[in-house]
PDB file of all heavy atoms in Angstrom:
ATOM      1  N   ILE A   1       3.433   5.953  -0.279  1.00  0.00           N
ATOM      2  CA  ILE A   1       4.816   5.530  -0.027  1.00  0.00           C
ATOM      3  C   ILE A   1       4.959   5.143   1.440  1.00  0.00           C
ATOM      4  O   ILE A   1       4.235   5.627   2.307  1.00  0.00           O
ATOM      5  CB  ILE A   1       5.853   6.621  -0.377  1.00  0.00           C
ATOM      6  CG1 ILE A   1       5.598   7.900   0.427  1.00  0.00           C
ATOM      7  CG2 ILE A   1       5.875   6.888  -1.867  1.00  0.00           C
ATOM      8  CD1 ILE A   1       6.763   8.879   0.370  1.00  0.00           C
ATOM      9  N   GLY A   2       5.934   4.267   1.681  1.00  0.00           N
ATOM     10  CA  GLY A   2       6.299   3.921   3.044  1.00  0.00           C
ATOM     11  C   GLY A   2       5.128   3.458   3.885  1.00  0.00           C
ATOM     12  O   GLY A   2       4.250   2.724   3.428  1.00  0.00           O
ATOM     13  N   ASP A   3       5.103   3.923   5.123  1.00  0.00           N
ATOM     14  CA  ASP A   3       4.111   3.475   6.089  1.00  0.00           C
ATOM     15  C   ASP A   3       2.678   3.823   5.672  1.00  0.00           C
ATOM     16  O   ASP A   3       1.726   3.191   6.128  1.00  0.00           O
ATOM     17  CB  ASP A   3       4.385   4.084   7.465  1.00  0.00           C
ATOM     18  CG  ASP A   3       5.658   3.545   8.100  1.00  0.00           C
ATOM     19  OD1 ASP A   3       6.135   2.474   7.663  1.00  0.00           O
ATOM     20  OD2 ASP A   3       6.180   4.195   9.024  1.00  0.00           O
ATOM     21  N   ALA A   4       2.524   4.843   4.820  1.00  0.00           N
ATOM     22  CA  ALA A   4       1.180   5.280   4.434  1.00  0.00           C
ATOM     23  C   ALA A   4       0.601   4.477   3.279  1.00  0.00           C
ATOM     24  O   ALA A   4      -0.582   4.620   2.956  1.00  0.00           O
ATOM     25  CB  ALA A   4       1.215   6.756   4.054  1.00  0.00           C
ATOM     26  N   THR A   5       1.403   3.637   2.659  1.00  0.00           N
ATOM     27  CA  THR A   5       0.974   2.950   1.439  1.00  0.00           C
ATOM     28  C   THR A   5      -0.344   2.215   1.599  1.00  0.00           C
ATOM     29  O   THR A   5      -1.272   2.375   0.794  1.00  0.00           O
ATOM     30  CB  THR A   5       2.060   1.956   0.991  1.00  0.00           C
ATOM     31  OG1 THR A   5       3.236   2.686   0.628  1.00  0.00           O
ATOM     32  CG2 THR A   5       1.582   1.130  -0.198  1.00  0.00           C
ATOM     33  N   TRP A   6      -0.442   1.402   2.620  1.00  0.00           N
ATOM     34  CA  TRP A   6      -1.604   0.514   2.728  1.00  0.00           C
ATOM     35  C   TRP A   6      -2.872   1.270   3.062  1.00  0.00           C
ATOM     36  O   TRP A   6      -3.970   0.880   2.620  1.00  0.00           O
ATOM     37  CB  TRP A   6      -1.317  -0.607   3.720  1.00  0.00           C
ATOM     38  CG  TRP A   6      -0.158  -1.428   3.251  1.00  0.00           C
ATOM     39  CD1 TRP A   6       1.133  -1.398   3.719  1.00  0.00           C
ATOM     40  CD2 TRP A   6      -0.154  -2.348   2.145  1.00  0.00           C
ATOM     41  NE1 TRP A   6       1.928  -2.250   2.988  1.00  0.00           N
ATOM     42  CE2 TRP A   6       1.170  -2.849   2.017  1.00  0.00           C
ATOM     43  CE3 TRP A   6      -1.131  -2.800   1.262  1.00  0.00           C
ATOM     44  CZ2 TRP A   6       1.521  -3.774   1.042  1.00  0.00           C
ATOM     45  CZ3 TRP A   6      -0.791  -3.717   0.287  1.00  0.00           C
ATOM     46  CH2 TRP A   6       0.531  -4.198   0.183  1.00  0.00           C
ATOM     47  N   ALA A   7      -2.766   2.380   3.778  1.00  0.00           N
ATOM     48  CA  ALA A   7      -3.950   3.208   4.036  1.00  0.00           C
ATOM     49  C   ALA A   7      -4.444   3.854   2.743  1.00  0.00           C
ATOM     50  O   ALA A   7      -5.655   3.936   2.501  1.00  0.00           O
ATOM     51  CB  ALA A   7      -3.621   4.280   5.075  1.00  0.00           C
ATOM     52  N   VAL A   8      -3.522   4.318   1.909  1.00  0.00           N
ATOM     53  CA  VAL A   8      -3.906   4.916   0.629  1.00  0.00           C
ATOM     54  C   VAL A   8      -4.538   3.867  -0.279  1.00  0.00           C
ATOM     55  O   VAL A   8      -5.570   4.108  -0.929  1.00  0.00           O
ATOM     56  CB  VAL A   8      -2.684   5.572  -0.049  1.00  0.00           C
ATOM     57  CG1 VAL A   8      -3.024   6.016  -1.472  1.00  0.00           C
ATOM     58  CG2 VAL A   8      -2.194   6.766   0.771  1.00  0.00           C
ATOM     59  N   LEU A   9      -3.931   2.671  -0.329  1.00  0.00           N
ATOM     60  CA  LEU A   9      -4.493   1.607  -1.163  1.00  0.00           C
ATOM     61  C   LEU A   9      -5.879   1.190  -0.680  1.00  0.00           C
ATOM     62  O   LEU A   9      -6.772   0.898  -1.490  1.00  0.00           O
ATOM     63  CB  LEU A   9      -3.557   0.403  -1.181  1.00  0.00           C
ATOM     64  CG  LEU A   9      -2.550   0.343  -2.341  1.00  0.00           C
ATOM     65  CD1 LEU A   9      -1.673   1.576  -2.400  1.00  0.00           C
ATOM     66  CD2 LEU A   9      -1.713  -0.914  -2.258  1.00  0.00           C
ATOM     67  N   ARG A  10      -6.063   1.170   0.632  1.00  0.00           N
ATOM     68  CA  ARG A  10      -7.364   0.781   1.176  1.00  0.00           C
ATOM     69  C   ARG A  10      -8.434   1.796   0.772  1.00  0.00           C
ATOM     70  O   ARG A  10      -9.543   1.423   0.376  1.00  0.00           O
ATOM     71  CB  ARG A  10      -7.271   0.665   2.697  1.00  0.00           C
ATOM     72  CG  ARG A  10      -8.462  -0.017   3.345  1.00  0.00           C
ATOM     73  CD  ARG A  10      -8.197  -0.286   4.821  1.00  0.00           C
ATOM     74  NE  ARG A  10      -7.062  -1.222   5.006  1.00  0.00           N
ATOM     75  CZ  ARG A  10      -5.861  -0.879   5.463  1.00  0.00           C
ATOM     76  NH1 ARG A  10      -5.607   0.382   5.798  1.00  0.00           N
ATOM     77  NH2 ARG A  10      -4.914  -1.771   5.594  1.00  0.00           N
ATOM     78  N   ARG A  11      -8.099   3.076   0.849  1.00  0.00           N
ATOM     79  CA  ARG A  11      -9.062   4.105   0.422  1.00  0.00           C
ATOM     80  C   ARG A  11      -9.385   3.947  -1.061  1.00  0.00           C
ATOM     81  O   ARG A  11     -10.558   4.046  -1.469  1.00  0.00           O
ATOM     82  CB  ARG A  11      -8.517   5.503   0.696  1.00  0.00           C
ATOM     83  CG  ARG A  11      -9.471   6.594   0.220  1.00  0.00           C
ATOM     84  CD  ARG A  11      -8.983   8.020   0.452  1.00  0.00           C
ATOM     85  NE  ARG A  11     -10.042   8.929   0.032  1.00  0.00           N
ATOM     86  CZ  ARG A  11     -10.200   9.364  -1.207  1.00  0.00           C
ATOM     87  NH1 ARG A  11      -9.354   8.998  -2.156  1.00  0.00           N
ATOM     88  NH2 ARG A  11     -11.208  10.170  -1.512  1.00  0.00           N
ATOM     89  N   ALA A  12      -8.377   3.710  -1.871  1.00  0.00           N
ATOM     90  CA  ALA A  12      -8.610   3.541  -3.306  1.00  0.00           C
ATOM     91  C   ALA A  12      -9.493   2.333  -3.576  1.00  0.00           C
ATOM     92  O   ALA A  12     -10.386   2.368  -4.431  1.00  0.00           O
ATOM     93  CB  ALA A  12      -7.279   3.405  -4.036  1.00  0.00           C
ATOM     94  N   ALA A  13      -9.257   1.250  -2.842  1.00  0.00           N
ATOM     95  CA  ALA A  13     -10.050   0.036  -3.039  1.00  0.00           C
ATOM     96  C   ALA A  13     -11.513   0.275  -2.688  1.00  0.00           C
ATOM     97  O   ALA A  13     -12.416  -0.199  -3.391  1.00  0.00           O
ATOM     98  CB  ALA A  13      -9.475  -1.102  -2.207  1.00  0.00           C
ATOM     99  N   VAL A  14     -11.760   0.994  -1.596  1.00  0.00           N
ATOM    100  CA  VAL A  14     -13.131   1.317  -1.210  1.00  0.00           C
ATOM    101  C   VAL A  14     -13.843   2.048  -2.344  1.00  0.00           C
ATOM    102  O   VAL A  14     -15.028   1.822  -2.619  1.00  0.00           O
ATOM    103  CB  VAL A  14     -13.142   2.170   0.076  1.00  0.00           C
ATOM    104  CG1 VAL A  14     -14.514   2.793   0.318  1.00  0.00           C
ATOM    105  CG2 VAL A  14     -12.726   1.324   1.269  1.00  0.00           C
ATOM    106  N   ARG A  15     -13.116   2.897  -3.038  1.00  0.00           N
ATOM    107  CA  ARG A  15     -13.702   3.735  -4.065  1.00  0.00           C
ATOM    108  C   ARG A  15     -13.653   3.104  -5.461  1.00  0.00           C
ATOM    109  O   ARG A  15     -14.069   3.712  -6.441  1.00  0.00           O
ATOM    110  CB  ARG A  15     -13.008   5.094  -4.051  1.00  0.00           C
ATOM    111  CG  ARG A  15     -13.205   5.812  -2.713  1.00  0.00           C
ATOM    112  CD  ARG A  15     -12.437   7.096  -2.614  1.00  0.00           C
ATOM    113  NE  ARG A  15     -12.905   8.099  -3.553  1.00  0.00           N
ATOM    114  CZ  ARG A  15     -14.035   8.775  -3.438  1.00  0.00           C
ATOM    115  NH1 ARG A  15     -14.855   8.537  -2.427  1.00  0.00           N
ATOM    116  NH2 ARG A  15     -14.373   9.679  -4.319  1.00  0.00           N
ATOM    117  N   GLY A  16     -13.139   1.883  -5.530  1.00  0.00           N
ATOM    118  CA  GLY A  16     -13.144   1.179  -6.795  1.00  0.00           C
ATOM    119  C   GLY A  16     -12.065   1.607  -7.768  1.00  0.00           C
ATOM    120  O   GLY A  16     -12.166   1.339  -8.973  1.00  0.00           O
ATOM    121  N   HIS A  17     -11.007   2.256  -7.269  1.00  0.00           N
ATOM    122  CA  HIS A  17      -9.922   2.708  -8.128  1.00  0.00           C
ATOM    123  C   HIS A  17      -8.818   1.657  -8.228  1.00  0.00           C
ATOM    124  O   HIS A  17      -8.698   0.768  -7.370  1.00  0.00           O
ATOM    125  CB  HIS A  17      -9.317   4.010  -7.591  1.00  0.00           C
ATOM    126  CG  HIS A  17     -10.271   5.152  -7.553  1.00  0.00           C
ATOM    127  ND1 HIS A  17     -11.133   5.452  -8.584  1.00  0.00           N
ATOM    128  CD2 HIS A  17     -10.494   6.095  -6.585  1.00  0.00           C
ATOM    129  CE1 HIS A  17     -11.850   6.520  -8.266  1.00  0.00           C
ATOM    130  NE2 HIS A  17     -11.480   6.929  -7.063  1.00  0.00           N
ATOM    131  N   GLY A  18      -7.980   1.790  -9.241  1.00  0.00           N
ATOM    132  CA  GLY A  18      -6.804   0.957  -9.350  1.00  0.00           C
ATOM    133  C   GLY A  18      -5.763   1.344  -8.313  1.00  0.00           C
ATOM    134  O   GLY A  18      -5.796   2.439  -7.732  1.00  0.00           O
ATOM    135  N   VAL A  19      -4.815   0.435  -8.085  1.00  0.00           N
ATOM    136  CA  VAL A  19      -3.754   0.683  -7.102  1.00  0.00           C
ATOM    137  C   VAL A  19      -2.408   0.274  -7.682  1.00  0.00           C
ATOM    138  O   VAL A  19      -2.331  -0.542  -8.597  1.00  0.00           O
ATOM    139  CB  VAL A  19      -3.999  -0.085  -5.782  1.00  0.00           C
ATOM    140  CG1 VAL A  19      -5.312   0.346  -5.152  1.00  0.00           C
ATOM    141  CG2 VAL A  19      -3.990  -1.589  -6.001  1.00  0.00           C
ATOM    142  N   ARG A  20      -1.360   0.864  -7.122  1.00  0.00           N
ATOM    143  CA  ARG A  20       0.010   0.493  -7.486  1.00  0.00           C
ATOM    144  C   ARG A  20       0.775   0.153  -6.226  1.00  0.00           C
ATOM    145  O   ARG A  20       0.617   0.812  -5.187  1.00  0.00           O
ATOM    146  CB  ARG A  20       0.712   1.648  -8.207  1.00  0.00           C
ATOM    147  CG  ARG A  20       2.138   1.318  -8.619  1.00  0.00           C
ATOM    148  CD  ARG A  20       2.805   2.495  -9.297  1.00  0.00           C
ATOM    149  NE  ARG A  20       3.928   3.006  -8.528  1.00  0.00           N
ATOM    150  CZ  ARG A  20       4.685   4.031  -8.901  1.00  0.00           C
ATOM    151  NH1 ARG A  20       4.434   4.675 -10.017  1.00  0.00           N
ATOM    152  NH2 ARG A  20       5.685   4.431  -8.141  1.00  0.00           N
ATOM    153  N   VAL A  21       1.628  -0.887  -6.322  1.00  0.00           N
ATOM    154  CA  VAL A  21       2.444  -1.265  -5.178  1.00  0.00           C
ATOM    155  C   VAL A  21       3.707  -1.947  -5.687  1.00  0.00           C
ATOM    156  O   VAL A  21       3.739  -2.508  -6.785  1.00  0.00           O
ATOM    157  CB  VAL A  21       1.651  -2.194  -4.218  1.00  0.00           C
ATOM    158  CG1 VAL A  21       1.475  -3.581  -4.820  1.00  0.00           C
ATOM    159  CG2 VAL A  21       2.293  -2.272  -2.838  1.00  0.00           C
ATOM    160  N   GLY A  22       4.749  -1.877  -4.907  1.00  0.00           N
ATOM    161  CA  GLY A  22       6.009  -2.521  -5.258  1.00  0.00           C
ATOM    162  C   GLY A  22       7.118  -1.974  -4.390  1.00  0.00           C
ATOM    163  O   GLY A  22       6.918  -1.027  -3.609  1.00  0.00           O
ATOM    164  N   LEU A  23       8.289  -2.542  -4.513  1.00  0.00           N
ATOM    165  CA  LEU A  23       9.415  -2.099  -3.684  1.00  0.00           C
ATOM    166  C   LEU A  23       9.822  -0.665  -3.986  1.00  0.00           C
ATOM    167  O   LEU A  23      10.515  -0.039  -3.178  1.00  0.00           O
ATOM    168  CB  LEU A  23      10.598  -3.045  -3.884  1.00  0.00           C
ATOM    169  CG  LEU A  23      10.394  -4.462  -3.309  1.00  0.00           C
ATOM    170  CD1 LEU A  23      11.570  -5.363  -3.691  1.00  0.00           C
ATOM    171  CD2 LEU A  23      10.214  -4.435  -1.793  1.00  0.00           C
ATOM    172  N   GLU A  24       9.395  -0.136  -5.122  1.00  0.00           N
ATOM    173  CA  GLU A  24       9.636   1.281  -5.389  1.00  0.00           C
ATOM    174  C   GLU A  24       8.914   2.160  -4.371  1.00  0.00           C
ATOM    175  O   GLU A  24       9.367   3.276  -4.075  1.00  0.00           O
ATOM    176  CB  GLU A  24       9.174   1.641  -6.803  1.00  0.00           C
ATOM    177  CG  GLU A  24       9.394   3.101  -7.155  1.00  0.00           C
ATOM    178  CD  GLU A  24       9.114   3.420  -8.612  1.00  0.00           C
ATOM    179  OE1 GLU A  24       8.980   2.479  -9.428  1.00  0.00           O
ATOM    180  OE2 GLU A  24       9.050   4.606  -8.944  1.00  0.00           O
ATOM    181  N   ASP A  25       7.784   1.671  -3.844  1.00  0.00           N
ATOM    182  CA  ASP A  25       6.936   2.485  -2.982  1.00  0.00           C
ATOM    183  C   ASP A  25       7.024   2.126  -1.507  1.00  0.00           C
ATOM    184  O   ASP A  25       6.942   2.994  -0.644  1.00  0.00           O
ATOM    185  CB  ASP A  25       5.468   2.349  -3.418  1.00  0.00           C
ATOM    186  CG  ASP A  25       5.262   2.677  -4.890  1.00  0.00           C
ATOM    187  OD1 ASP A  25       5.922   3.599  -5.378  1.00  0.00           O
ATOM    188  OD2 ASP A  25       4.450   1.982  -5.540  1.00  0.00           O
ATOM    189  N   VAL A  26       7.133   0.825  -1.202  1.00  0.00           N
ATOM    190  CA  VAL A  26       7.015   0.382   0.189  1.00  0.00           C
ATOM    191  C   VAL A  26       7.826  -0.900   0.369  1.00  0.00           C
ATOM    192  O   VAL A  26       7.902  -1.735  -0.538  1.00  0.00           O
ATOM    193  CB  VAL A  26       5.532   0.154   0.561  1.00  0.00           C
ATOM    194  CG1 VAL A  26       4.882  -0.893  -0.320  1.00  0.00           C
ATOM    195  CG2 VAL A  26       5.374  -0.201   2.033  1.00  0.00           C
ATOM    196  N   LEU A  27       8.414  -1.048   1.551  1.00  0.00           N
ATOM    197  CA  LEU A  27       9.255  -2.214   1.827  1.00  0.00           C
ATOM    198  C   LEU A  27       8.625  -3.178   2.828  1.00  0.00           C
ATOM    199  O   LEU A  27       9.241  -4.185   3.172  1.00  0.00           O
ATOM    200  CB  LEU A  27      10.616  -1.752   2.366  1.00  0.00           C
ATOM    201  CG  LEU A  27      11.408  -0.808   1.463  1.00  0.00           C
ATOM    202  CD1 LEU A  27      12.722  -0.424   2.124  1.00  0.00           C
ATOM    203  CD2 LEU A  27      11.656  -1.427   0.096  1.00  0.00           C
ATOM    204  N   THR A  28       7.402  -2.866   3.281  1.00  0.00           N
ATOM    205  CA  THR A  28       6.765  -3.718   4.289  1.00  0.00           C
ATOM    206  C   THR A  28       5.378  -4.145   3.839  1.00  0.00           C
ATOM    207  O   THR A  28       4.682  -3.422   3.124  1.00  0.00           O
ATOM    208  CB  THR A  28       6.642  -2.994   5.639  1.00  0.00           C
ATOM    209  OG1 THR A  28       5.949  -1.759   5.446  1.00  0.00           O
ATOM    210  CG2 THR A  28       8.013  -2.726   6.233  1.00  0.00           C
ATOM    211  N   LEU A  29       4.970  -5.314   4.305  1.00  0.00           N
ATOM    212  CA  LEU A  29       3.634  -5.836   4.073  1.00  0.00           C
ATOM    213  C   LEU A  29       2.638  -5.169   5.021  1.00  0.00           C
ATOM    214  O   LEU A  29       3.048  -4.447   5.940  1.00  0.00           O
ATOM    215  CB  LEU A  29       3.652  -7.345   4.271  1.00  0.00           C
ATOM    216  CG  LEU A  29       4.533  -8.117   3.281  1.00  0.00           C
ATOM    217  CD1 LEU A  29       4.760  -9.550   3.763  1.00  0.00           C
ATOM    218  CD2 LEU A  29       3.909  -8.101   1.887  1.00  0.00           C
ATOM    219  N   PRO A  30       1.334  -5.357   4.807  1.00  0.00           N
ATOM    220  CA  PRO A  30       0.361  -4.686   5.669  1.00  0.00           C
ATOM    221  C   PRO A  30       0.526  -4.962   7.157  1.00  0.00           C
ATOM    222  O   PRO A  30       0.160  -4.122   7.992  1.00  0.00           O
ATOM    223  CB  PRO A  30      -0.982  -5.232   5.167  1.00  0.00           C
ATOM    224  CG  PRO A  30      -0.733  -5.577   3.743  1.00  0.00           C
ATOM    225  CD  PRO A  30       0.682  -6.080   3.696  1.00  0.00           C
ATOM    226  N   ASP A  31       1.080  -6.113   7.527  1.00  0.00           N
ATOM    227  CA  ASP A  31       1.272  -6.425   8.951  1.00  0.00           C
ATOM    228  C   ASP A  31       2.570  -5.858   9.511  1.00  0.00           C
ATOM    229  O   ASP A  31       2.915  -6.097  10.673  1.00  0.00           O
ATOM    230  CB  ASP A  31       1.215  -7.937   9.186  1.00  0.00           C
ATOM    231  CG  ASP A  31       2.345  -8.691   8.477  1.00  0.00           C
ATOM    232  OD1 ASP A  31       3.211  -8.043   7.831  1.00  0.00           O
ATOM    233  OD2 ASP A  31       2.362  -9.931   8.558  1.00  0.00           O
ATOM    234  N   GLY A  32       3.308  -5.109   8.690  1.00  0.00           N
ATOM    235  CA  GLY A  32       4.540  -4.469   9.141  1.00  0.00           C
ATOM    236  C   GLY A  32       5.791  -5.286   8.960  1.00  0.00           C
ATOM    237  O   GLY A  32       6.899  -4.795   9.217  1.00  0.00           O
ATOM    238  N   THR A  33       5.671  -6.530   8.516  1.00  0.00           N
ATOM    239  CA  THR A  33       6.856  -7.354   8.283  1.00  0.00           C
ATOM    240  C   THR A  33       7.521  -6.966   6.969  1.00  0.00           C
ATOM    241  O   THR A  33       6.892  -6.397   6.077  1.00  0.00           O
ATOM    242  CB  THR A  33       6.489  -8.851   8.253  1.00  0.00           C
ATOM    243  OG1 THR A  33       5.532  -9.080   7.202  1.00  0.00           O
ATOM    244  CG2 THR A  33       5.902  -9.283   9.581  1.00  0.00           C
ATOM    245  N   ASP A  34       8.810  -7.272   6.856  1.00  0.00           N
ATOM    246  CA  ASP A  34       9.559  -6.917   5.649  1.00  0.00           C
ATOM    247  C   ASP A  34       9.016  -7.664   4.442  1.00  0.00           C
ATOM    248  O   ASP A  34       8.743  -8.873   4.498  1.00  0.00           O
ATOM    249  CB  ASP A  34      11.037  -7.255   5.826  1.00  0.00           C
ATOM    250  CG  ASP A  34      11.730  -6.356   6.833  1.00  0.00           C
ATOM    251  OD1 ASP A  34      11.160  -5.289   7.158  1.00  0.00           O
ATOM    252  OD2 ASP A  34      12.821  -6.721   7.296  1.00  0.00           O
ATOM    253  N   ALA A  35       8.867  -6.953   3.332  1.00  0.00           N
ATOM    254  CA  ALA A  35       8.409  -7.580   2.094  1.00  0.00           C
ATOM    255  C   ALA A  35       9.594  -8.249   1.407  1.00  0.00           C
ATOM    256  O   ALA A  35      10.607  -7.591   1.154  1.00  0.00           O
ATOM    257  CB  ALA A  35       7.794  -6.540   1.170  1.00  0.00           C
TER     258      ALA A  35
END
């Protein structure tokens, strides 16, 4: 959730797991700009 979303997704991607994302979880893109 929030600021931690992209770090969690990156770890999951490294390990070959699925990921979830959307405005329910995070309002910003990886570069910090508003989604």
